[in-house]
Amino acid sequence: MFSRRCWTQVRAINGGSFLLKSILNLSTTTTHKALTQNADTVDFLVNSLDFSKDAAVATLSKVPSSRPFQKTPIQELGLSGTDLIEVLMAHKSIWSLGLDNQIKSRVLYLRELVGSDDNVVKVIKRYPLVLGRLDTEMLENNFKLLRNYGFTLQCVAGWITKKPRIFFVMKPEEMEEILSRVENDLGIPRGSNMFRYGFEVVSSFTRSNIDEKLRVFRSLGWSESEMFRMVRTHPFILTRSSLSIQKAADYFRNEVGYSLDYMASHPVLFTISLEKRVKPRNEVLRILNEKKLNKLNTVLYTVLIKPESKFLKYYILPYTDILPDLYETYMRKAEMPKIKL
């Protein structure tokens, strides 16, 4: 019978699916084999990582025979417990490659790329296969490409940390094509602060997906110059679905009265949730205007870009006595958890 502690640990790893199935499928022979062949590793998992023996055995039953290992460079970075096992299980072959040598070289290489131990941990957790074999020549070419297109060292490190899989998998010719598309197709110059965001967008979506969204903007009445002005100013508008772009444009034009030119000058409008922010806040502003409580004549755009805490502070909480239902109505429509006033 497995202990409650074992089940808790099992569920903490990859949603529990892998280890749960492992434990359910363990036979007495498998358990005995895992204990006898990997006694030192079981001892390490139990004593150093605070795993129950059952969870440790379940883990080792699904990996190749591993060499005994002590504290690894990943642990020294602060990755331990279930996080460490999750990483090791995602790339099982490193158990048999000598963890100290294998991981240490990768950690040193990653630290040089992303600049800090915190970023190294984020990269490993987001893309555990980085601990395997790397084509360093390909990666160096990718790195040079990003630098040639104006990425600062800090921007390169930040992008690799955020999207490690793309950097470690994408071939230089594919990366150059994407960089070229950002500059030539979207019209974002490589010296622009928005270029790296354009690269993030183009590398995350297919050409046909982006073309479809541009088609929607055209169909709504924007000229080529207006459309690409929006893209250059705020590339993340291309991360929204075609339907959400259509709905946002319709609402701002028909309900709020914004012109195409105004929306083109404020493209962030298309990245704000229509149902959870735009509509609830517009309703609050309408009520304040009706009650003549909007003393500063604040416009909707200003209200929409406020962080939630500041919106509540300036537009909801001062009026709870005068408008007792305003707070609860807004929080419900915005689907926000209520806070104690």
C-alpha atoms as a PDB file:
ATOM      1  CA  MET A   1       0.000   0.000   0.000  1.00  0.00           C
ATOM      2  CA  PHE A   2       1.455   3.361  -1.006  1.00  0.00           C
ATOM      3  CA  SER A   3       1.544   6.168   1.509  1.00  0.00           C
ATOM      4  CA  ARG A   4      -0.362   9.448   1.270  1.00  0.00           C
ATOM      5  CA  ARG A   5       2.999  11.212   0.965  1.00  0.00           C
ATOM      6  CA  CYS A   6       3.820   9.130  -2.099  1.00  0.00           C
ATOM      7  CA  TRP A   7       0.535   9.984  -3.801  1.00  0.00           C
ATOM      8  CA  THR A   8       1.054  13.698  -3.063  1.00  0.00           C
ATOM      9  CA  GLN A   9       4.490  13.577  -4.676  1.00  0.00           C
ATOM     10  CA  VAL A  10       3.184  11.587  -7.597  1.00  0.00           C
ATOM     11  CA  ARG A  11       0.467  14.128  -8.357  1.00  0.00           C
ATOM     12  CA  ALA A  12       2.955  17.008  -8.080  1.00  0.00           C
ATOM     13  CA  ILE A  13       4.924  15.757 -11.066  1.00  0.00           C
ATOM     14  CA  ASN A  14       3.523  16.418 -14.547  1.00  0.00           C
ATOM     15  CA  GLY A  15       0.025  16.442 -13.146  1.00  0.00           C
ATOM     16  CA  GLY A  16       0.687  13.024 -11.655  1.00  0.00           C
ATOM     17  CA  SER A  17       0.032  11.201 -14.921  1.00  0.00           C
ATOM     18  CA  PHE A  18       3.450   9.663 -15.491  1.00  0.00           C
ATOM     19  CA  LEU A  19       4.295   8.519 -11.986  1.00  0.00           C
ATOM     20  CA  LEU A  20       0.738   7.538 -11.200  1.00  0.00           C
ATOM     21  CA  LYS A  21       0.734   5.125 -14.133  1.00  0.00           C
ATOM     22  CA  SER A  22       4.224   3.968 -13.170  1.00  0.00           C
ATOM     23  CA  ILE A  23       3.186   3.066  -9.646  1.00  0.00           C
ATOM     24  CA  LEU A  24       0.015   1.336 -10.772  1.00  0.00           C
ATOM     25  CA  ASN A  25       2.001  -0.767 -13.242  1.00  0.00           C
ATOM     26  CA  LEU A  26       4.846  -1.694 -10.893  1.00  0.00           C
ATOM     27  CA  SER A  27       5.291  -5.377 -10.238  1.00  0.00           C
ATOM     28  CA  THR A  28       7.157  -6.852  -7.298  1.00  0.00           C
ATOM     29  CA  THR A  29       9.987  -7.840  -9.657  1.00  0.00           C
ATOM     30  CA  THR A  30      10.237  -4.312 -11.082  1.00  0.00           C
ATOM     31  CA  THR A  31      10.265  -2.784  -7.624  1.00  0.00           C
ATOM     32  CA  HIS A  32      12.971  -5.156  -6.439  1.00  0.00           C
ATOM     33  CA  LYS A  33      15.061  -4.490  -9.572  1.00  0.00           C
ATOM     34  CA  ALA A  34      14.801  -0.718  -9.203  1.00  0.00           C
ATOM     35  CA  LEU A  35      15.806  -0.955  -5.556  1.00  0.00           C
ATOM     36  CA  THR A  36      18.765  -3.280  -6.068  1.00  0.00           C
ATOM     37  CA  GLN A  37      20.232  -1.818  -9.263  1.00  0.00           C
ATOM     38  CA  ASN A  38      19.786   1.831  -8.280  1.00  0.00           C
ATOM     39  CA  ALA A  39      20.099   1.685  -4.507  1.00  0.00           C
ATOM     40  CA  ASP A  40      22.367   4.742  -4.337  1.00  0.00           C
ATOM     41  CA  THR A  41      20.065   6.773  -6.561  1.00  0.00           C
ATOM     42  CA  VAL A  42      16.993   5.741  -4.563  1.00  0.00           C
ATOM     43  CA  ASP A  43      18.822   6.778  -1.424  1.00  0.00           C
ATOM     44  CA  PHE A  44      19.650  10.142  -3.025  1.00  0.00           C
ATOM     45  CA  LEU A  45      16.042  10.788  -4.044  1.00  0.00           C
ATOM     46  CA  VAL A  46      14.740   9.838  -0.610  1.00  0.00           C
ATOM     47  CA  ASN A  47      17.314  11.582   1.556  1.00  0.00           C
ATOM     48  CA  SER A  48      18.277  14.596  -0.577  1.00  0.00           C
ATOM     49  CA  LEU A  49      15.004  15.348  -2.338  1.00  0.00           C
ATOM     50  CA  ASP A  50      12.640  14.155   0.390  1.00  0.00           C
ATOM     51  CA  PHE A  51      10.897  11.653  -1.883  1.00  0.00           C
ATOM     52  CA  SER A  52       9.198   8.651  -0.442  1.00  0.00           C
ATOM     53  CA  LYS A  53      10.819   5.358  -1.417  1.00  0.00           C
ATOM     54  CA  ASP A  54       7.721   4.403  -3.419  1.00  0.00           C
ATOM     55  CA  ALA A  55       7.864   7.552  -5.552  1.00  0.00           C
ATOM     56  CA  ALA A  56      11.622   7.173  -6.056  1.00  0.00           C
ATOM     57  CA  VAL A  57      11.220   3.558  -7.206  1.00  0.00           C
ATOM     58  CA  ALA A  58       8.370   4.519  -9.534  1.00  0.00           C
ATOM     59  CA  THR A  59      10.592   7.169 -11.101  1.00  0.00           C
ATOM     60  CA  LEU A  60      13.575   4.875 -11.593  1.00  0.00           C
ATOM     61  CA  SER A  61      11.473   2.058 -13.002  1.00  0.00           C
ATOM     62  CA  LYS A  62      10.947   4.117 -16.157  1.00  0.00           C
ATOM     63  CA  VAL A  63      14.479   5.356 -16.801  1.00  0.00           C
ATOM     64  CA  PRO A  64      17.632   3.606 -18.022  1.00  0.00           C
ATOM     65  CA  SER A  65      20.038   2.193 -15.455  1.00  0.00           C
ATOM     66  CA  SER A  66      21.594   5.260 -13.920  1.00  0.00           C
ATOM     67  CA  ARG A  67      24.921   5.911 -12.322  1.00  0.00           C
ATOM     68  CA  PRO A  68      24.902   6.922  -8.674  1.00  0.00           C
ATOM     69  CA  PHE A  69      24.985  10.702  -8.419  1.00  0.00           C
ATOM     70  CA  GLN A  70      25.376  13.266  -5.730  1.00  0.00           C
ATOM     71  CA  LYS A  71      24.294  16.891  -5.622  1.00  0.00           C
ATOM     72  CA  THR A  72      24.006  18.072  -9.229  1.00  0.00           C
ATOM     73  CA  PRO A  73      24.732  21.499 -10.737  1.00  0.00           C
ATOM     74  CA  ILE A  74      20.986  21.942 -11.326  1.00  0.00           C
ATOM     75  CA  GLN A  75      20.307  21.621  -7.611  1.00  0.00           C
ATOM     76  CA  GLU A  76      22.963  24.187  -6.901  1.00  0.00           C
ATOM     77  CA  LEU A  77      20.977  26.573  -9.081  1.00  0.00           C
ATOM     78  CA  GLY A  78      17.996  26.093  -6.811  1.00  0.00           C
ATOM     79  CA  LEU A  79      16.115  23.538  -8.898  1.00  0.00           C
ATOM     80  CA  SER A  80      15.197  20.689  -6.597  1.00  0.00           C
ATOM     81  CA  GLY A  81      12.420  18.445  -5.403  1.00  0.00           C
ATOM     82  CA  THR A  82       9.641  17.775  -7.884  1.00  0.00           C
ATOM     83  CA  ASP A  83      11.017  20.433 -10.256  1.00  0.00           C
ATOM     84  CA  LEU A  84      14.306  18.551 -10.525  1.00  0.00           C
ATOM     85  CA  ILE A  85      12.622  15.191 -11.102  1.00  0.00           C
ATOM     86  CA  GLU A  86      10.305  16.736 -13.680  1.00  0.00           C
ATOM     87  CA  VAL A  87      13.333  17.995 -15.612  1.00  0.00           C
ATOM     88  CA  LEU A  88      15.177  14.691 -15.343  1.00  0.00           C
ATOM     89  CA  MET A  89      12.125  12.719 -16.438  1.00  0.00           C
ATOM     90  CA  ALA A  90      11.686  14.949 -19.487  1.00  0.00           C
ATOM     91  CA  HIS A  91      15.127  13.942 -20.728  1.00  0.00           C
ATOM     92  CA  LYS A  92      15.700  10.462 -19.374  1.00  0.00           C
ATOM     93  CA  SER A  93      18.919   9.705 -21.260  1.00  0.00           C
ATOM     94  CA  ILE A  94      20.978  12.018 -19.055  1.00  0.00           C
ATOM     95  CA  TRP A  95      20.519   9.571 -16.179  1.00  0.00           C
ATOM     96  CA  SER A  96      22.960   7.232 -17.890  1.00  0.00           C
ATOM     97  CA  LEU A  97      25.374   9.871 -19.196  1.00  0.00           C
ATOM     98  CA  GLY A  98      26.966  10.950 -15.948  1.00  0.00           C
ATOM     99  CA  LEU A  99      24.935  13.780 -14.523  1.00  0.00           C
ATOM    100  CA  ASP A 100      27.799  15.846 -13.190  1.00  0.00           C
ATOM    101  CA  ASN A 101      29.664  16.109 -16.500  1.00  0.00           C
ATOM    102  CA  GLN A 102      26.598  16.245 -18.710  1.00  0.00           C
ATOM    103  CA  ILE A 103      24.668  18.838 -16.749  1.00  0.00           C
ATOM    104  CA  LYS A 104      27.605  20.955 -15.667  1.00  0.00           C
ATOM    105  CA  SER A 105      28.701  21.661 -19.235  1.00  0.00           C
ATOM    106  CA  ARG A 106      25.141  22.554 -20.236  1.00  0.00           C
ATOM    107  CA  VAL A 107      24.632  24.823 -17.231  1.00  0.00           C
ATOM    108  CA  LEU A 108      27.864  26.691 -17.964  1.00  0.00           C
ATOM    109  CA  TYR A 109      26.867  27.106 -21.616  1.00  0.00           C
ATOM    110  CA  LEU A 110      23.369  28.284 -20.723  1.00  0.00           C
ATOM    111  CA  ARG A 111      24.676  30.723 -18.145  1.00  0.00           C
ATOM    112  CA  GLU A 112      26.877  32.291 -20.812  1.00  0.00           C
ATOM    113  CA  LEU A 113      23.847  32.647 -23.121  1.00  0.00           C
ATOM    114  CA  VAL A 114      21.202  33.926 -20.715  1.00  0.00           C
ATOM    115  CA  GLY A 115      23.340  35.696 -18.160  1.00  0.00           C
ATOM    116  CA  SER A 116      22.075  34.471 -14.780  1.00  0.00           C
ATOM    117  CA  ASP A 117      21.324  31.329 -12.800  1.00  0.00           C
ATOM    118  CA  ASP A 118      17.656  32.360 -12.492  1.00  0.00           C
ATOM    119  CA  ASN A 119      17.367  32.472 -16.273  1.00  0.00           C
ATOM    120  CA  VAL A 120      19.165  29.133 -16.610  1.00  0.00           C
ATOM    121  CA  VAL A 121      16.567  27.524 -14.355  1.00  0.00           C
ATOM    122  CA  LYS A 122      13.713  29.058 -16.379  1.00  0.00           C
ATOM    123  CA  VAL A 123      15.215  27.763 -19.639  1.00  0.00           C
ATOM    124  CA  ILE A 124      15.667  24.244 -18.255  1.00  0.00           C
ATOM    125  CA  LYS A 125      12.129  24.111 -16.866  1.00  0.00           C
ATOM    126  CA  ARG A 126      10.610  25.412 -20.109  1.00  0.00           C
ATOM    127  CA  TYR A 127      12.712  23.213 -22.381  1.00  0.00           C
ATOM    128  CA  PRO A 128      14.340  20.309 -20.462  1.00  0.00           C
ATOM    129  CA  LEU A 129      15.773  18.822 -23.677  1.00  0.00           C
ATOM    130  CA  VAL A 130      18.352  21.591 -23.580  1.00  0.00           C
ATOM    131  CA  LEU A 131      20.270  19.269 -21.239  1.00  0.00           C
ATOM    132  CA  GLY A 132      20.833  16.858 -24.124  1.00  0.00           C
ATOM    133  CA  ARG A 133      23.042  17.123 -27.158  1.00  0.00           C
ATOM    134  CA  LEU A 134      23.304  20.636 -28.603  1.00  0.00           C
ATOM    135  CA  ASP A 135      24.469  21.772 -32.016  1.00  0.00           C
ATOM    136  CA  THR A 136      26.682  24.578 -30.743  1.00  0.00           C
ATOM    137  CA  GLU A 137      27.660  25.712 -34.236  1.00  0.00           C
ATOM    138  CA  MET A 138      23.992  26.180 -35.156  1.00  0.00           C
ATOM    139  CA  LEU A 139      23.328  28.009 -31.898  1.00  0.00           C
ATOM    140  CA  GLU A 140      26.276  30.334 -32.423  1.00  0.00           C
ATOM    141  CA  ASN A 141      24.946  31.190 -35.889  1.00  0.00           C
ATOM    142  CA  ASN A 142      21.502  31.888 -34.410  1.00  0.00           C
ATOM    143  CA  PHE A 143      23.097  34.100 -31.787  1.00  0.00           C
ATOM    144  CA  LYS A 144      25.042  36.057 -34.435  1.00  0.00           C
ATOM    145  CA  LEU A 145      21.899  36.518 -36.510  1.00  0.00           C
ATOM    146  CA  LEU A 146      20.014  38.060 -33.611  1.00  0.00           C
ATOM    147  CA  ARG A 147      22.917  40.382 -32.863  1.00  0.00           C
ATOM    148  CA  ASN A 148      23.201  41.391 -36.531  1.00  0.00           C
ATOM    149  CA  TYR A 149      19.527  42.336 -36.518  1.00  0.00           C
ATOM    150  CA  GLY A 150      20.041  44.700 -33.613  1.00  0.00           C
ATOM    151  CA  PHE A 151      19.263  42.554 -30.572  1.00  0.00           C
ATOM    152  CA  THR A 152      21.243  43.685 -27.546  1.00  0.00           C
ATOM    153  CA  LEU A 153      22.848  41.015 -25.376  1.00  0.00           C
ATOM    154  CA  GLN A 154      20.144  41.634 -22.795  1.00  0.00           C
ATOM    155  CA  CYS A 155      17.387  41.213 -25.407  1.00  0.00           C
ATOM    156  CA  VAL A 156      18.938  37.977 -26.697  1.00  0.00           C
ATOM    157  CA  ALA A 157      19.124  36.589 -23.160  1.00  0.00           C
ATOM    158  CA  GLY A 158      15.547  37.628 -22.438  1.00  0.00           C
ATOM    159  CA  TRP A 159      14.179  36.124 -25.633  1.00  0.00           C
ATOM    160  CA  ILE A 160      16.030  32.812 -25.195  1.00  0.00           C
ATOM    161  CA  THR A 161      14.734  32.624 -21.624  1.00  0.00           C
ATOM    162  CA  LYS A 162      11.158  33.251 -22.754  1.00  0.00           C
ATOM    163  CA  LYS A 163      11.189  31.082 -25.919  1.00  0.00           C
ATOM    164  CA  PRO A 164      14.042  28.584 -25.477  1.00  0.00           C
ATOM    165  CA  ARG A 165      12.637  25.906 -27.739  1.00  0.00           C
ATOM    166  CA  ILE A 166      12.634  28.182 -30.788  1.00  0.00           C
ATOM    167  CA  PHE A 167      16.247  29.220 -30.265  1.00  0.00           C
ATOM    168  CA  PHE A 168      17.570  25.710 -29.632  1.00  0.00           C
ATOM    169  CA  VAL A 169      15.611  24.014 -32.419  1.00  0.00           C
ATOM    170  CA  MET A 170      15.304  26.543 -35.231  1.00  0.00           C
ATOM    171  CA  LYS A 171      17.904  26.378 -37.992  1.00  0.00           C
ATOM    172  CA  PRO A 172      19.756  29.611 -38.901  1.00  0.00           C
ATOM    173  CA  GLU A 173      18.173  29.796 -42.362  1.00  0.00           C
ATOM    174  CA  GLU A 174      14.703  29.540 -40.805  1.00  0.00           C
ATOM    175  CA  MET A 175      15.542  32.200 -38.250  1.00  0.00           C
ATOM    176  CA  GLU A 176      16.913  34.517 -40.926  1.00  0.00           C
ATOM    177  CA  GLU A 177      13.726  34.125 -42.962  1.00  0.00           C
ATOM    178  CA  ILE A 178      11.638  35.137 -39.943  1.00  0.00           C
ATOM    179  CA  LEU A 179      13.871  38.103 -39.153  1.00  0.00           C
ATOM    180  CA  SER A 180      13.616  39.192 -42.779  1.00  0.00           C
ATOM    181  CA  ARG A 181       9.809  38.930 -42.686  1.00  0.00           C
ATOM    182  CA  VAL A 182       9.645  41.156 -39.616  1.00  0.00           C
ATOM    183  CA  GLU A 183      11.705  43.804 -41.380  1.00  0.00           C
ATOM    184  CA  ASN A 184      10.337  43.537 -44.916  1.00  0.00           C
ATOM    185  CA  ASP A 185       6.782  42.166 -44.620  1.00  0.00           C
ATOM    186  CA  LEU A 186       5.720  43.912 -41.409  1.00  0.00           C
ATOM    187  CA  GLY A 187       7.853  46.987 -41.978  1.00  0.00           C
ATOM    188  CA  ILE A 188       9.417  47.022 -38.500  1.00  0.00           C
ATOM    189  CA  PRO A 189      12.998  48.333 -38.842  1.00  0.00           C
ATOM    190  CA  ARG A 190      15.642  46.273 -37.093  1.00  0.00           C
ATOM    191  CA  GLY A 191      16.716  49.263 -35.010  1.00  0.00           C
ATOM    192  CA  SER A 192      13.224  49.703 -33.580  1.00  0.00           C
ATOM    193  CA  ASN A 193      12.404  48.798 -29.993  1.00  0.00           C
ATOM    194  CA  MET A 194       9.451  46.868 -31.409  1.00  0.00           C
ATOM    195  CA  PHE A 195      11.573  44.644 -33.656  1.00  0.00           C
ATOM    196  CA  ARG A 196      12.136  41.950 -31.035  1.00  0.00           C
ATOM    197  CA  TYR A 197       8.415  41.832 -30.299  1.00  0.00           C
ATOM    198  CA  GLY A 198       7.709  41.509 -34.003  1.00  0.00           C
ATOM    199  CA  PHE A 199      10.182  38.635 -34.106  1.00  0.00           C
ATOM    200  CA  GLU A 200       8.436  36.977 -31.167  1.00  0.00           C
ATOM    201  CA  VAL A 201       5.101  37.224 -32.965  1.00  0.00           C
ATOM    202  CA  VAL A 202       6.307  36.028 -36.384  1.00  0.00           C
ATOM    203  CA  SER A 203       8.233  33.121 -34.844  1.00  0.00           C
ATOM    204  CA  SER A 204       5.122  32.004 -32.932  1.00  0.00           C
ATOM    205  CA  PHE A 205       2.534  32.089 -35.726  1.00  0.00           C
ATOM    206  CA  THR A 206       2.421  30.718 -39.255  1.00  0.00           C
ATOM    207  CA  ARG A 207       2.580  33.012 -42.255  1.00  0.00           C
ATOM    208  CA  SER A 208      -1.004  32.115 -43.215  1.00  0.00           C
ATOM    209  CA  ASN A 209      -2.231  32.920 -39.690  1.00  0.00           C
ATOM    210  CA  ILE A 210      -0.665  36.385 -39.757  1.00  0.00           C
ATOM    211  CA  ASP A 211      -1.856  37.016 -43.324  1.00  0.00           C
ATOM    212  CA  GLU A 212      -5.412  36.178 -42.265  1.00  0.00           C
ATOM    213  CA  LYS A 213      -5.304  38.777 -39.477  1.00  0.00           C
ATOM    214  CA  LEU A 214      -3.951  41.417 -41.846  1.00  0.00           C
ATOM    215  CA  ARG A 215      -6.796  40.542 -44.222  1.00  0.00           C
ATOM    216  CA  VAL A 216      -9.287  41.185 -41.403  1.00  0.00           C
ATOM    217  CA  PHE A 217      -7.803  44.627 -40.711  1.00  0.00           C
ATOM    218  CA  ARG A 218      -8.083  45.466 -44.420  1.00  0.00           C
ATOM    219  CA  SER A 219     -11.697  44.281 -44.536  1.00  0.00           C
ATOM    220  CA  LEU A 220     -12.569  46.553 -41.620  1.00  0.00           C
ATOM    221  CA  GLY A 221     -11.521  49.604 -43.622  1.00  0.00           C
ATOM    222  CA  TRP A 222      -7.930  50.349 -42.709  1.00  0.00           C
ATOM    223  CA  SER A 223      -5.521  51.349 -45.437  1.00  0.00           C
ATOM    224  CA  GLU A 224      -2.186  49.579 -45.847  1.00  0.00           C
ATOM    225  CA  SER A 225      -0.333  52.469 -44.241  1.00  0.00           C
ATOM    226  CA  GLU A 226      -2.713  52.603 -41.241  1.00  0.00           C
ATOM    227  CA  MET A 227      -2.633  48.845 -40.774  1.00  0.00           C
ATOM    228  CA  PHE A 228       1.148  48.598 -40.779  1.00  0.00           C
ATOM    229  CA  ARG A 229       1.391  51.641 -38.524  1.00  0.00           C
ATOM    230  CA  MET A 230      -0.566  49.630 -35.964  1.00  0.00           C
ATOM    231  CA  VAL A 231       1.697  46.618 -36.442  1.00  0.00           C
ATOM    232  CA  ARG A 232       4.884  48.679 -36.128  1.00  0.00           C
ATOM    233  CA  THR A 233       3.571  50.400 -33.004  1.00  0.00           C
ATOM    234  CA  HIS A 234       2.252  47.277 -31.281  1.00  0.00           C
ATOM    235  CA  PRO A 235       3.122  43.956 -32.997  1.00  0.00           C
ATOM    236  CA  PHE A 236       1.168  41.973 -30.393  1.00  0.00           C
ATOM    237  CA  ILE A 237      -2.100  42.928 -32.105  1.00  0.00           C
ATOM    238  CA  LEU A 238      -1.229  40.021 -34.423  1.00  0.00           C
ATOM    239  CA  THR A 239      -1.468  37.593 -31.513  1.00  0.00           C
ATOM    240  CA  ARG A 240      -5.220  38.147 -31.261  1.00  0.00           C
ATOM    241  CA  SER A 241      -7.615  35.907 -33.130  1.00  0.00           C
ATOM    242  CA  SER A 242      -9.341  37.175 -36.255  1.00  0.00           C
ATOM    243  CA  LEU A 243     -12.689  37.000 -34.444  1.00  0.00           C
ATOM    244  CA  SER A 244     -11.503  39.029 -31.457  1.00  0.00           C
ATOM    245  CA  ILE A 245     -10.084  41.697 -33.797  1.00  0.00           C
ATOM    246  CA  GLN A 246     -13.440  41.881 -35.592  1.00  0.00           C
ATOM    247  CA  LYS A 247     -15.433  42.105 -32.341  1.00  0.00           C
ATOM    248  CA  ALA A 248     -13.135  44.750 -30.828  1.00  0.00           C
ATOM    249  CA  ALA A 249     -13.278  46.932 -33.943  1.00  0.00           C
ATOM    250  CA  ASP A 250     -17.075  46.668 -34.083  1.00  0.00           C
ATOM    251  CA  TYR A 251     -17.482  47.566 -30.406  1.00  0.00           C
ATOM    252  CA  PHE A 252     -15.107  50.529 -30.422  1.00  0.00           C
ATOM    253  CA  ARG A 253     -16.634  51.909 -33.627  1.00  0.00           C
ATOM    254  CA  ASN A 254     -20.331  51.301 -32.934  1.00  0.00           C
ATOM    255  CA  GLU A 255     -20.598  51.511 -29.124  1.00  0.00           C
ATOM    256  CA  VAL A 256     -17.801  53.901 -28.223  1.00  0.00           C
ATOM    257  CA  GLY A 257     -17.658  55.963 -31.426  1.00  0.00           C
ATOM    258  CA  TYR A 258     -13.957  55.623 -32.143  1.00  0.00           C
ATOM    259  CA  SER A 259     -12.819  56.399 -35.683  1.00  0.00           C
ATOM    260  CA  LEU A 260     -10.538  54.109 -37.673  1.00  0.00           C
ATOM    261  CA  ASP A 261      -7.776  56.696 -37.336  1.00  0.00           C
ATOM    262  CA  TYR A 262      -8.134  56.807 -33.541  1.00  0.00           C
ATOM    263  CA  MET A 263      -7.960  53.023 -33.273  1.00  0.00           C
ATOM    264  CA  ALA A 264      -4.948  52.959 -35.580  1.00  0.00           C
ATOM    265  CA  SER A 265      -3.259  55.444 -33.235  1.00  0.00           C
ATOM    266  CA  HIS A 266      -4.088  53.301 -30.188  1.00  0.00           C
ATOM    267  CA  PRO A 267      -3.512  49.685 -31.298  1.00  0.00           C
ATOM    268  CA  VAL A 268      -3.208  48.458 -27.722  1.00  0.00           C
ATOM    269  CA  LEU A 269      -7.014  48.587 -27.709  1.00  0.00           C
ATOM    270  CA  PHE A 270      -7.014  45.330 -29.665  1.00  0.00           C
ATOM    271  CA  THR A 271      -4.962  43.488 -27.043  1.00  0.00           C
ATOM    272  CA  ILE A 272      -7.246  44.308 -24.100  1.00  0.00           C
ATOM    273  CA  SER A 273      -9.944  41.788 -23.211  1.00  0.00           C
ATOM    274  CA  LEU A 274     -13.233  43.072 -24.582  1.00  0.00           C
ATOM    275  CA  GLU A 275     -15.478  41.134 -22.191  1.00  0.00           C
ATOM    276  CA  LYS A 276     -13.393  41.273 -19.014  1.00  0.00           C
ATOM    277  CA  ARG A 277     -12.009  44.798 -19.207  1.00  0.00           C
ATOM    278  CA  VAL A 278     -13.320  47.023 -21.989  1.00  0.00           C
ATOM    279  CA  LYS A 279     -17.061  46.527 -21.491  1.00  0.00           C
ATOM    280  CA  PRO A 280     -17.050  46.512 -17.632  1.00  0.00           C
ATOM    281  CA  ARG A 281     -14.872  49.631 -17.422  1.00  0.00           C
ATOM    282  CA  ASN A 282     -16.798  51.446 -20.106  1.00  0.00           C
ATOM    283  CA  GLU A 283     -19.960  50.784 -18.094  1.00  0.00           C
ATOM    284  CA  VAL A 284     -18.328  52.174 -14.932  1.00  0.00           C
ATOM    285  CA  LEU A 285     -17.234  55.299 -16.798  1.00  0.00           C
ATOM    286  CA  ARG A 286     -20.742  55.723 -18.235  1.00  0.00           C
ATOM    287  CA  ILE A 287     -22.266  55.572 -14.730  1.00  0.00           C
ATOM    288  CA  LEU A 288     -19.722  58.056 -13.335  1.00  0.00           C
ATOM    289  CA  ASN A 289     -20.456  60.432 -16.206  1.00  0.00           C
ATOM    290  CA  GLU A 290     -24.215  60.143 -15.688  1.00  0.00           C
ATOM    291  CA  LYS A 291     -23.819  60.902 -11.964  1.00  0.00           C
ATOM    292  CA  LYS A 292     -21.407  63.744 -12.796  1.00  0.00           C
ATOM    293  CA  LEU A 293     -18.717  62.066 -10.714  1.00  0.00           C
ATOM    294  CA  ASN A 294     -16.050  62.027 -13.461  1.00  0.00           C
ATOM    295  CA  LYS A 295     -14.604  65.335 -12.322  1.00  0.00           C
ATOM    296  CA  LEU A 296     -11.476  65.082 -14.489  1.00  0.00           C
ATOM    297  CA  ASN A 297     -13.412  64.118 -17.629  1.00  0.00           C
ATOM    298  CA  THR A 298     -11.318  60.989 -17.941  1.00  0.00           C
ATOM    299  CA  VAL A 299     -11.648  59.310 -21.341  1.00  0.00           C
ATOM    300  CA  LEU A 300     -12.147  55.592 -21.873  1.00  0.00           C
ATOM    301  CA  TYR A 301      -8.646  54.891 -23.225  1.00  0.00           C
ATOM    302  CA  THR A 302      -7.061  56.252 -20.037  1.00  0.00           C
ATOM    303  CA  VAL A 303      -9.343  54.072 -17.962  1.00  0.00           C
ATOM    304  CA  LEU A 304      -8.625  50.935 -20.007  1.00  0.00           C
ATOM    305  CA  ILE A 305      -4.839  51.047 -19.651  1.00  0.00           C
ATOM    306  CA  LYS A 306      -4.907  51.451 -15.872  1.00  0.00           C
ATOM    307  CA  PRO A 307      -3.724  48.420 -13.847  1.00  0.00           C
ATOM    308  CA  GLU A 308      -6.540  46.792 -11.920  1.00  0.00           C
ATOM    309  CA  SER A 309      -5.379  48.126  -8.547  1.00  0.00           C
ATOM    310  CA  LYS A 310      -5.295  51.722  -9.773  1.00  0.00           C
ATOM    311  CA  PHE A 311      -8.606  51.419 -11.581  1.00  0.00           C
ATOM    312  CA  LEU A 312     -10.275  50.268  -8.367  1.00  0.00           C
ATOM    313  CA  LYS A 313      -8.486  52.936  -6.350  1.00  0.00           C
ATOM    314  CA  TYR A 314      -9.548  55.873  -8.542  1.00  0.00           C
ATOM    315  CA  TYR A 315     -12.805  54.828 -10.194  1.00  0.00           C
ATOM    316  CA  ILE A 316     -14.551  52.348  -7.900  1.00  0.00           C
ATOM    317  CA  LEU A 317     -13.597  52.574  -4.233  1.00  0.00           C
ATOM    318  CA  PRO A 318     -14.127  56.357  -3.777  1.00  0.00           C
ATOM    319  CA  TYR A 319     -17.789  55.894  -4.766  1.00  0.00           C
ATOM    320  CA  THR A 320     -18.820  52.821  -2.740  1.00  0.00           C
ATOM    321  CA  ASP A 321     -20.979  54.959  -0.408  1.00  0.00           C
ATOM    322  CA  ILE A 322     -22.696  56.838  -3.224  1.00  0.00           C
ATOM    323  CA  LEU A 323     -22.959  53.849  -5.565  1.00  0.00           C
ATOM    324  CA  PRO A 324     -23.057  50.755  -3.296  1.00  0.00           C
ATOM    325  CA  ASP A 325     -23.643  48.302  -6.163  1.00  0.00           C
ATOM    326  CA  LEU A 326     -20.871  49.607  -8.415  1.00  0.00           C
ATOM    327  CA  TYR A 327     -18.079  47.529  -6.917  1.00  0.00           C
ATOM    328  CA  GLU A 328     -19.872  44.170  -6.951  1.00  0.00           C
ATOM    329  CA  THR A 329     -21.313  44.743 -10.422  1.00  0.00           C
ATOM    330  CA  TYR A 330     -17.919  45.600 -11.861  1.00  0.00           C
ATOM    331  CA  MET A 331     -16.102  42.695 -10.188  1.00  0.00           C
ATOM    332  CA  ARG A 332     -18.739  40.261 -11.433  1.00  0.00           C
ATOM    333  CA  LYS A 333     -18.647  41.475 -15.025  1.00  0.00           C
ATOM    334  CA  ALA A 334     -14.863  41.646 -15.047  1.00  0.00           C
ATOM    335  CA  GLU A 335     -14.756  38.125 -13.551  1.00  0.00           C
ATOM    336  CA  MET A 336     -12.431  39.354 -10.806  1.00  0.00           C
ATOM    337  CA  PRO A 337     -12.218  37.837  -7.321  1.00  0.00           C
ATOM    338  CA  LYS A 338     -13.627  40.182  -4.720  1.00  0.00           C
ATOM    339  CA  ILE A 339     -11.278  41.780  -2.223  1.00  0.00           C
ATOM    340  CA  LYS A 340     -12.115  42.750   1.312  1.00  0.00           C
ATOM    341  CA  LEU A 341     -12.898  46.459   1.419  1.00  0.00           C
END
